PDB file of all heavy atoms in Angstrom:
ATOM      1  N   LYS A   1     -14.547  12.860  -1.921  1.00  0.00           N
ATOM      2  CA  LYS A   1     -15.607  13.712  -1.384  1.00  0.00           C
ATOM      3  C   LYS A   1     -15.174  14.374  -0.076  1.00  0.00           C
ATOM      4  O   LYS A   1     -15.422  15.572   0.129  1.00  0.00           O
ATOM      5  CB  LYS A   1     -16.888  12.895  -1.175  1.00  0.00           C
ATOM      6  CG  LYS A   1     -17.559  12.452  -2.464  1.00  0.00           C
ATOM      7  CD  LYS A   1     -18.843  11.687  -2.187  1.00  0.00           C
ATOM      8  CE  LYS A   1     -19.911  12.585  -1.643  1.00  0.00           C
ATOM      9  NZ  LYS A   1     -21.207  11.881  -1.479  1.00  0.00           N
ATOM     10  N   ALA A   2     -14.525  13.594   0.801  1.00  0.00           N
ATOM     11  CA  ALA A   2     -14.082  14.182   2.062  1.00  0.00           C
ATOM     12  C   ALA A   2     -13.038  15.273   1.849  1.00  0.00           C
ATOM     13  O   ALA A   2     -13.114  16.363   2.461  1.00  0.00           O
ATOM     14  CB  ALA A   2     -13.502  13.073   2.964  1.00  0.00           C
ATOM     15  N   ASN A   3     -12.087  15.029   0.951  1.00  0.00           N
ATOM     16  CA  ASN A   3     -11.061  16.019   0.693  1.00  0.00           C
ATOM     17  C   ASN A   3     -11.642  17.291   0.107  1.00  0.00           C
ATOM     18  O   ASN A   3     -11.167  18.401   0.374  1.00  0.00           O
ATOM     19  CB  ASN A   3      -9.995  15.448  -0.255  1.00  0.00           C
ATOM     20  CG  ASN A   3      -9.102  14.433   0.412  1.00  0.00           C
ATOM     21  OD1 ASN A   3      -9.042  14.374   1.632  1.00  0.00           O
ATOM     22  ND2 ASN A   3      -8.410  13.653  -0.380  1.00  0.00           N
ATOM     23  N   ASP A   4     -12.657  17.120  -0.711  1.00  0.00           N
ATOM     24  CA  ASP A   4     -13.331  18.302  -1.300  1.00  0.00           C
ATOM     25  C   ASP A   4     -13.955  19.156  -0.199  1.00  0.00           C
ATOM     26  O   ASP A   4     -13.875  20.387  -0.237  1.00  0.00           O
ATOM     27  CB  ASP A   4     -14.384  17.845  -2.289  1.00  0.00           C
ATOM     28  CG  ASP A   4     -14.904  18.985  -3.132  1.00  0.00           C
ATOM     29  OD1 ASP A   4     -14.099  19.705  -3.747  1.00  0.00           O
ATOM     30  OD2 ASP A   4     -16.138  19.177  -3.170  1.00  0.00           O
ATOM     31  N   VAL A   5     -14.577  18.524   0.789  1.00  0.00           N
ATOM     32  CA  VAL A   5     -15.167  19.250   1.900  1.00  0.00           C
ATOM     33  C   VAL A   5     -14.071  19.907   2.761  1.00  0.00           C
ATOM     34  O   VAL A   5     -14.157  21.083   3.085  1.00  0.00           O
ATOM     35  CB  VAL A   5     -16.025  18.302   2.766  1.00  0.00           C
ATOM     36  CG1 VAL A   5     -16.487  19.003   4.043  1.00  0.00           C
ATOM     37  CG2 VAL A   5     -17.239  17.823   1.966  1.00  0.00           C
ATOM     38  N   TYR A   6     -13.046  19.123   3.110  1.00  0.00           N
ATOM     39  CA  TYR A   6     -11.992  19.628   3.996  1.00  0.00           C
ATOM     40  C   TYR A   6     -11.252  20.836   3.395  1.00  0.00           C
ATOM     41  O   TYR A   6     -10.820  21.728   4.125  1.00  0.00           O
ATOM     42  CB  TYR A   6     -10.963  18.543   4.299  1.00  0.00           C
ATOM     43  CG  TYR A   6     -11.509  17.331   5.011  1.00  0.00           C
ATOM     44  CD1 TYR A   6     -10.885  16.087   4.882  1.00  0.00           C
ATOM     45  CD2 TYR A   6     -12.650  17.393   5.814  1.00  0.00           C
ATOM     46  CE1 TYR A   6     -11.369  14.954   5.529  1.00  0.00           C
ATOM     47  CE2 TYR A   6     -13.148  16.272   6.449  1.00  0.00           C
ATOM     48  CZ  TYR A   6     -12.510  15.053   6.300  1.00  0.00           C
ATOM     49  OH  TYR A   6     -13.000  13.942   6.936  1.00  0.00           O
ATOM     50  N   SER A   7     -11.097  20.828   2.059  1.00  0.00           N
ATOM     51  CA  SER A   7     -10.335  21.892   1.403  1.00  0.00           C
ATOM     52  C   SER A   7     -11.214  22.956   0.786  1.00  0.00           C
ATOM     53  O   SER A   7     -10.734  23.837   0.066  1.00  0.00           O
ATOM     54  CB  SER A   7      -9.433  21.302   0.310  1.00  0.00           C
ATOM     55  OG  SER A   7     -10.229  20.815  -0.783  1.00  0.00           O
ATOM     56  N   SER A   8     -12.531  22.884   1.049  1.00  0.00           N
ATOM     57  CA  SER A   8     -13.503  23.819   0.447  1.00  0.00           C
ATOM     58  C   SER A   8     -13.402  23.804  -1.077  1.00  0.00           C
ATOM     59  O   SER A   8     -13.515  24.844  -1.735  1.00  0.00           O
ATOM     60  CB  SER A   8     -13.280  25.238   0.994  1.00  0.00           C
ATOM     61  OG  SER A   8     -13.459  25.278   2.392  1.00  0.00           O
ATOM     62  N   GLY A   9     -13.154  22.629  -1.626  1.00  0.00           N
ATOM     63  CA  GLY A   9     -13.142  22.451  -3.072  1.00  0.00           C
ATOM     64  C   GLY A   9     -11.873  22.893  -3.754  1.00  0.00           C
ATOM     65  O   GLY A   9     -11.791  22.882  -4.987  1.00  0.00           O
ATOM     66  N   LYS A  10     -10.842  23.251  -2.998  1.00  0.00           N
ATOM     67  CA  LYS A  10      -9.630  23.827  -3.601  1.00  0.00           C
ATOM     68  C   LYS A  10      -8.561  22.780  -3.952  1.00  0.00           C
ATOM     69  O   LYS A  10      -7.712  23.025  -4.815  1.00  0.00           O
ATOM     70  CB  LYS A  10      -9.027  24.880  -2.658  1.00  0.00           C
ATOM     71  CG  LYS A  10      -9.920  26.090  -2.419  1.00  0.00           C
ATOM     72  CD  LYS A  10      -9.273  27.056  -1.431  1.00  0.00           C
ATOM     73  CE  LYS A  10     -10.181  28.252  -1.189  1.00  0.00           C
ATOM     74  NZ  LYS A  10      -9.580  29.188  -0.178  1.00  0.00           N
ATOM     75  N   ALA A  11      -8.560  21.631  -3.274  1.00  0.00           N
ATOM     76  CA  ALA A  11      -7.491  20.656  -3.432  1.00  0.00           C
ATOM     77  C   ALA A  11      -8.002  19.404  -4.092  1.00  0.00           C
ATOM     78  O   ALA A  11      -8.874  18.712  -3.552  1.00  0.00           O
ATOM     79  CB  ALA A  11      -6.848  20.326  -2.087  1.00  0.00           C
ATOM     80  N   LYS A  12      -7.480  19.089  -5.273  1.00  0.00           N
ATOM     81  CA  LYS A  12      -7.828  17.843  -5.954  1.00  0.00           C
ATOM     82  C   LYS A  12      -7.027  16.696  -5.341  1.00  0.00           C
ATOM     83  O   LYS A  12      -5.915  16.881  -4.854  1.00  0.00           O
ATOM     84  CB  LYS A  12      -7.522  17.952  -7.442  1.00  0.00           C
ATOM     85  CG  LYS A  12      -8.324  19.036  -8.153  1.00  0.00           C
ATOM     86  CD  LYS A  12      -9.810  18.802  -8.073  1.00  0.00           C
ATOM     87  CE  LYS A  12     -10.582  19.884  -8.822  1.00  0.00           C
ATOM     88  NZ  LYS A  12     -12.039  19.714  -8.679  1.00  0.00           N
ATOM     89  N   THR A  13      -7.593  15.505  -5.394  1.00  0.00           N
ATOM     90  CA  THR A  13      -7.012  14.352  -4.725  1.00  0.00           C
ATOM     91  C   THR A  13      -6.029  13.584  -5.643  1.00  0.00           C
ATOM     92  O   THR A  13      -6.330  13.343  -6.802  1.00  0.00           O
ATOM     93  CB  THR A  13      -8.120  13.398  -4.282  1.00  0.00           C
ATOM     94  OG1 THR A  13      -8.952  14.066  -3.325  1.00  0.00           O
ATOM     95  CG2 THR A  13      -7.524  12.124  -3.619  1.00  0.00           C
ATOM     96  N   VAL A  14      -4.894  13.230  -5.076  1.00  0.00           N
ATOM     97  CA  VAL A  14      -3.950  12.322  -5.717  1.00  0.00           C
ATOM     98  C   VAL A  14      -3.755  11.131  -4.791  1.00  0.00           C
ATOM     99  O   VAL A  14      -3.427  11.308  -3.606  1.00  0.00           O
ATOM    100  CB  VAL A  14      -2.596  13.015  -6.002  1.00  0.00           C
ATOM    101  CG1 VAL A  14      -1.584  12.010  -6.518  1.00  0.00           C
ATOM    102  CG2 VAL A  14      -2.787  14.134  -7.026  1.00  0.00           C
ATOM    103  N   PHE A  15      -3.925   9.918  -5.335  1.00  0.00           N
ATOM    104  CA  PHE A  15      -3.782   8.691  -4.519  1.00  0.00           C
ATOM    105  C   PHE A  15      -2.369   8.113  -4.717  1.00  0.00           C
ATOM    106  O   PHE A  15      -1.928   7.908  -5.851  1.00  0.00           O
ATOM    107  CB  PHE A  15      -4.784   7.631  -4.977  1.00  0.00           C
ATOM    108  CG  PHE A  15      -6.214   8.012  -4.792  1.00  0.00           C
ATOM    109  CD1 PHE A  15      -6.976   8.451  -5.880  1.00  0.00           C
ATOM    110  CD2 PHE A  15      -6.828   7.941  -3.562  1.00  0.00           C
ATOM    111  CE1 PHE A  15      -8.316   8.795  -5.718  1.00  0.00           C
ATOM    112  CE2 PHE A  15      -8.150   8.296  -3.383  1.00  0.00           C
ATOM    113  CZ  PHE A  15      -8.902   8.714  -4.461  1.00  0.00           C
ATOM    114  N   ALA A  16      -1.684   7.883  -3.612  1.00  0.00           N
ATOM    115  CA  ALA A  16      -0.529   7.006  -3.626  1.00  0.00           C
ATOM    116  C   ALA A  16      -1.071   5.617  -3.302  1.00  0.00           C
ATOM    117  O   ALA A  16      -1.397   5.333  -2.161  1.00  0.00           O
ATOM    118  CB  ALA A  16       0.510   7.431  -2.618  1.00  0.00           C
ATOM    119  N   ALA A  17      -1.215   4.805  -4.339  1.00  0.00           N
ATOM    120  CA  ALA A  17      -1.909   3.528  -4.181  1.00  0.00           C
ATOM    121  C   ALA A  17      -1.127   2.471  -4.983  1.00  0.00           C
ATOM    122  O   ALA A  17      -1.080   2.560  -6.208  1.00  0.00           O
ATOM    123  CB  ALA A  17      -3.343   3.637  -4.688  1.00  0.00           C
ATOM    124  N   TYR A  18      -0.560   1.524  -4.278  1.00  0.00           N
ATOM    125  CA  TYR A  18       0.423   0.616  -4.896  1.00  0.00           C
ATOM    126  C   TYR A  18      -0.271  -0.648  -5.404  1.00  0.00           C
ATOM    127  O   TYR A  18      -0.897  -1.390  -4.633  1.00  0.00           O
ATOM    128  CB  TYR A  18       1.531   0.293  -3.901  1.00  0.00           C
ATOM    129  CG  TYR A  18       2.051   1.539  -3.222  1.00  0.00           C
ATOM    130  CD1 TYR A  18       1.888   1.751  -1.863  1.00  0.00           C
ATOM    131  CD2 TYR A  18       2.679   2.545  -3.970  1.00  0.00           C
ATOM    132  CE1 TYR A  18       2.348   2.911  -1.255  1.00  0.00           C
ATOM    133  CE2 TYR A  18       3.145   3.700  -3.386  1.00  0.00           C
ATOM    134  CZ  TYR A  18       2.974   3.904  -2.013  1.00  0.00           C
ATOM    135  OH  TYR A  18       3.420   5.052  -1.423  1.00  0.00           O
ATOM    136  N   MET A  19      -0.117  -0.907  -6.692  1.00  0.00           N
ATOM    137  CA  MET A  19      -0.802  -2.028  -7.324  1.00  0.00           C
ATOM    138  C   MET A  19       0.010  -3.321  -7.199  1.00  0.00           C
ATOM    139  O   MET A  19       1.239  -3.312  -7.127  1.00  0.00           O
ATOM    140  CB  MET A  19      -1.000  -1.718  -8.820  1.00  0.00           C
ATOM    141  CG  MET A  19      -1.844  -0.475  -9.088  1.00  0.00           C
ATOM    142  SD  MET A  19      -3.508  -0.581  -8.407  1.00  0.00           S
ATOM    143  CE  MET A  19      -4.110  -2.084  -9.186  1.00  0.00           C
ATOM    144  N   ASN A  20      -0.737  -4.457  -7.192  1.00  0.00           N
ATOM    145  CA  ASN A  20      -0.102  -5.781  -7.225  1.00  0.00           C
ATOM    146  C   ASN A  20       0.929  -5.950  -6.124  1.00  0.00           C
ATOM    147  O   ASN A  20       2.035  -6.468  -6.334  1.00  0.00           O
ATOM    148  CB  ASN A  20       0.533  -6.031  -8.601  1.00  0.00           C
ATOM    149  CG  ASN A  20      -0.445  -5.913  -9.768  1.00  0.00           C
ATOM    150  OD1 ASN A  20      -0.037  -5.681 -10.890  1.00  0.00           O
ATOM    151  ND2 ASN A  20      -1.741  -6.049  -9.513  1.00  0.00           N
ATOM    152  N   TYR A  21       0.571  -5.518  -4.926  1.00  0.00           N
ATOM    153  CA  TYR A  21       1.530  -5.371  -3.805  1.00  0.00           C
ATOM    154  C   TYR A  21       2.152  -6.714  -3.383  1.00  0.00           C
ATOM    155  O   TYR A  21       3.303  -6.739  -2.908  1.00  0.00           O
ATOM    156  CB  TYR A  21       0.829  -4.733  -2.618  1.00  0.00           C
ATOM    157  CG  TYR A  21       1.728  -4.247  -1.534  1.00  0.00           C
ATOM    158  CD1 TYR A  21       2.362  -3.007  -1.631  1.00  0.00           C
ATOM    159  CD2 TYR A  21       1.984  -5.006  -0.401  1.00  0.00           C
ATOM    160  CE1 TYR A  21       3.201  -2.545  -0.629  1.00  0.00           C
ATOM    161  CE2 TYR A  21       2.822  -4.579   0.609  1.00  0.00           C
ATOM    162  CZ  TYR A  21       3.417  -3.320   0.486  1.00  0.00           C
ATOM    163  OH  TYR A  21       4.280  -2.880   1.478  1.00  0.00           O
ATOM    164  N   SER A  22       1.459  -7.815  -3.555  1.00  0.00           N
ATOM    165  CA  SER A  22       1.984  -9.112  -3.125  1.00  0.00           C
ATOM    166  C   SER A  22       2.811  -9.814  -4.209  1.00  0.00           C
ATOM    167  O   SER A  22       3.298 -10.920  -3.980  1.00  0.00           O
ATOM    168  CB  SER A  22       0.835 -10.034  -2.674  1.00  0.00           C
ATOM    169  OG  SER A  22       0.219  -9.511  -1.535  1.00  0.00           O
ATOM    170  N   MET A  23       2.949  -9.184  -5.360  1.00  0.00           N
ATOM    171  CA  MET A  23       3.676  -9.831  -6.462  1.00  0.00           C
ATOM    172  C   MET A  23       5.150  -9.433  -6.422  1.00  0.00           C
ATOM    173  O   MET A  23       5.539  -8.438  -5.815  1.00  0.00           O
ATOM    174  CB  MET A  23       3.032  -9.416  -7.793  1.00  0.00           C
ATOM    175  CG  MET A  23       1.632  -9.931  -7.966  1.00  0.00           C
ATOM    176  SD  MET A  23       0.735  -9.189  -9.351  1.00  0.00           S
ATOM    177  CE  MET A  23       1.791  -9.566 -10.748  1.00  0.00           C
ATOM    178  N   ASP A  24       5.983 -10.259  -7.083  1.00  0.00           N
ATOM    179  CA  ASP A  24       7.425  -9.996  -7.118  1.00  0.00           C
ATOM    180  C   ASP A  24       8.028 -10.687  -8.317  1.00  0.00           C
ATOM    181  O   ASP A  24       7.534 -11.746  -8.777  1.00  0.00           O
ATOM    182  CB  ASP A  24       8.076 -10.527  -5.826  1.00  0.00           C
ATOM    183  CG  ASP A  24       9.467  -9.948  -5.604  1.00  0.00           C
ATOM    184  OD1 ASP A  24       9.872  -9.063  -6.368  1.00  0.00           O
ATOM    185  OD2 ASP A  24      10.129 -10.405  -4.670  1.00  0.00           O
ATOM    186  N   ASN A  25       9.076 -10.099  -8.875  1.00  0.00           N
ATOM    187  CA  ASN A  25       9.806 -10.678 -10.006  1.00  0.00           C
ATOM    188  C   ASN A  25       8.874 -11.072 -11.148  1.00  0.00           C
ATOM    189  O   ASN A  25       8.895 -12.222 -11.620  1.00  0.00           O
ATOM    190  CB  ASN A  25      10.635 -11.881  -9.559  1.00  0.00           C
ATOM    191  CG  ASN A  25      11.720 -11.472  -8.568  1.00  0.00           C
ATOM    192  OD1 ASN A  25      12.395 -10.472  -8.774  1.00  0.00           O
ATOM    193  ND2 ASN A  25      11.867 -12.239  -7.482  1.00  0.00           N
ATOM    194  N   CYS A  26       8.033 -10.126 -11.578  1.00  0.00           N
ATOM    195  CA  CYS A  26       7.074 -10.390 -12.653  1.00  0.00           C
ATOM    196  C   CYS A  26       6.636  -9.043 -13.228  1.00  0.00           C
ATOM    197  O   CYS A  26       7.187  -8.000 -12.886  1.00  0.00           O
ATOM    198  CB  CYS A  26       5.875 -11.160 -12.103  1.00  0.00           C
ATOM    199  SG  CYS A  26       4.997 -10.300 -10.781  1.00  0.00           S
ATOM    200  N   GLU A  27       5.645  -9.092 -14.120  1.00  0.00           N
ATOM    201  CA  GLU A  27       5.083  -7.886 -14.706  1.00  0.00           C
ATOM    202  C   GLU A  27       3.780  -7.506 -14.010  1.00  0.00           C
ATOM    203  O   GLU A  27       3.046  -8.371 -13.523  1.00  0.00           O
ATOM    204  CB  GLU A  27       4.846  -8.099 -16.209  1.00  0.00           C
ATOM    205  CG  GLU A  27       6.132  -8.247 -16.997  1.00  0.00           C
ATOM    206  CD  GLU A  27       5.865  -8.425 -18.492  1.00  0.00           C
ATOM    207  OE1 GLU A  27       4.716  -8.793 -18.866  1.00  0.00           O
ATOM    208  OE2 GLU A  27       6.797  -8.173 -19.303  1.00  0.00           O
ATOM    209  N   PHE A  28       3.494  -6.219 -13.978  1.00  0.00           N
ATOM    210  CA  PHE A  28       2.202  -5.753 -13.480  1.00  0.00           C
ATOM    211  C   PHE A  28       1.068  -6.408 -14.258  1.00  0.00           C
ATOM    212  O   PHE A  28       1.180  -6.688 -15.452  1.00  0.00           O
ATOM    213  CB  PHE A  28       2.073  -4.237 -13.621  1.00  0.00           C
ATOM    214  CG  PHE A  28       2.812  -3.444 -12.583  1.00  0.00           C
ATOM    215  CD1 PHE A  28       4.058  -2.901 -12.874  1.00  0.00           C
ATOM    216  CD2 PHE A  28       2.255  -3.213 -11.346  1.00  0.00           C
ATOM    217  CE1 PHE A  28       4.734  -2.148 -11.914  1.00  0.00           C
ATOM    218  CE2 PHE A  28       2.924  -2.461 -10.387  1.00  0.00           C
ATOM    219  CZ  PHE A  28       4.176  -1.933 -10.672  1.00  0.00           C
ATOM    220  N   ASN A  29      -0.047  -6.620 -13.546  1.00  0.00           N
ATOM    221  CA  ASN A  29      -1.239  -7.127 -14.202  1.00  0.00           C
ATOM    222  C   ASN A  29      -1.971  -5.969 -14.848  1.00  0.00           C
ATOM    223  O   ASN A  29      -2.604  -5.145 -14.157  1.00  0.00           O
ATOM    224  CB  ASN A  29      -2.139  -7.835 -13.178  1.00  0.00           C
ATOM    225  CG  ASN A  29      -3.413  -8.361 -13.817  1.00  0.00           C
ATOM    226  OD1 ASN A  29      -3.391  -8.856 -14.930  1.00  0.00           O
ATOM    227  ND2 ASN A  29      -4.521  -8.243 -13.112  1.00  0.00           N
ATOM    228  N   THR A  30      -1.902  -5.872 -16.161  1.00  0.00           N
ATOM    229  CA  THR A  30      -2.428  -4.715 -16.892  1.00  0.00           C
ATOM    230  C   THR A  30      -3.909  -4.443 -16.591  1.00  0.00           C
ATOM    231  O   THR A  30      -4.300  -3.296 -16.335  1.00  0.00           O
ATOM    232  CB  THR A  30      -2.200  -4.863 -18.397  1.00  0.00           C
ATOM    233  OG1 THR A  30      -0.768  -4.837 -18.648  1.00  0.00           O
ATOM    234  CG2 THR A  30      -2.879  -3.747 -19.187  1.00  0.00           C
ATOM    235  N   PRO A  31      -4.804  -5.434 -16.602  1.00  0.00           N
ATOM    236  CA  PRO A  31      -6.223  -5.145 -16.301  1.00  0.00           C
ATOM    237  C   PRO A  31      -6.426  -4.512 -14.925  1.00  0.00           C
ATOM    238  O   PRO A  31      -7.247  -3.596 -14.780  1.00  0.00           O
ATOM    239  CB  PRO A  31      -6.887  -6.512 -16.399  1.00  0.00           C
ATOM    240  CG  PRO A  31      -6.024  -7.293 -17.340  1.00  0.00           C
ATOM    241  CD  PRO A  31      -4.623  -6.846 -17.024  1.00  0.00           C
ATOM    242  N   GLY A  32      -5.686  -4.967 -13.924  1.00  0.00           N
ATOM    243  CA  GLY A  32      -5.831  -4.364 -12.595  1.00  0.00           C
ATOM    244  C   GLY A  32      -5.406  -2.913 -12.566  1.00  0.00           C
ATOM    245  O   GLY A  32      -6.066  -2.053 -11.975  1.00  0.00           O
TER     246      GLY A  32
END
């Protein structure tokens, strides 16, 4: 919502958001 206001509705949002950040040497948790 904030990005929509700041860009006057012109810029869609893309999140750089890292999943399962505390995990290591395993597989991603699919449900998360």
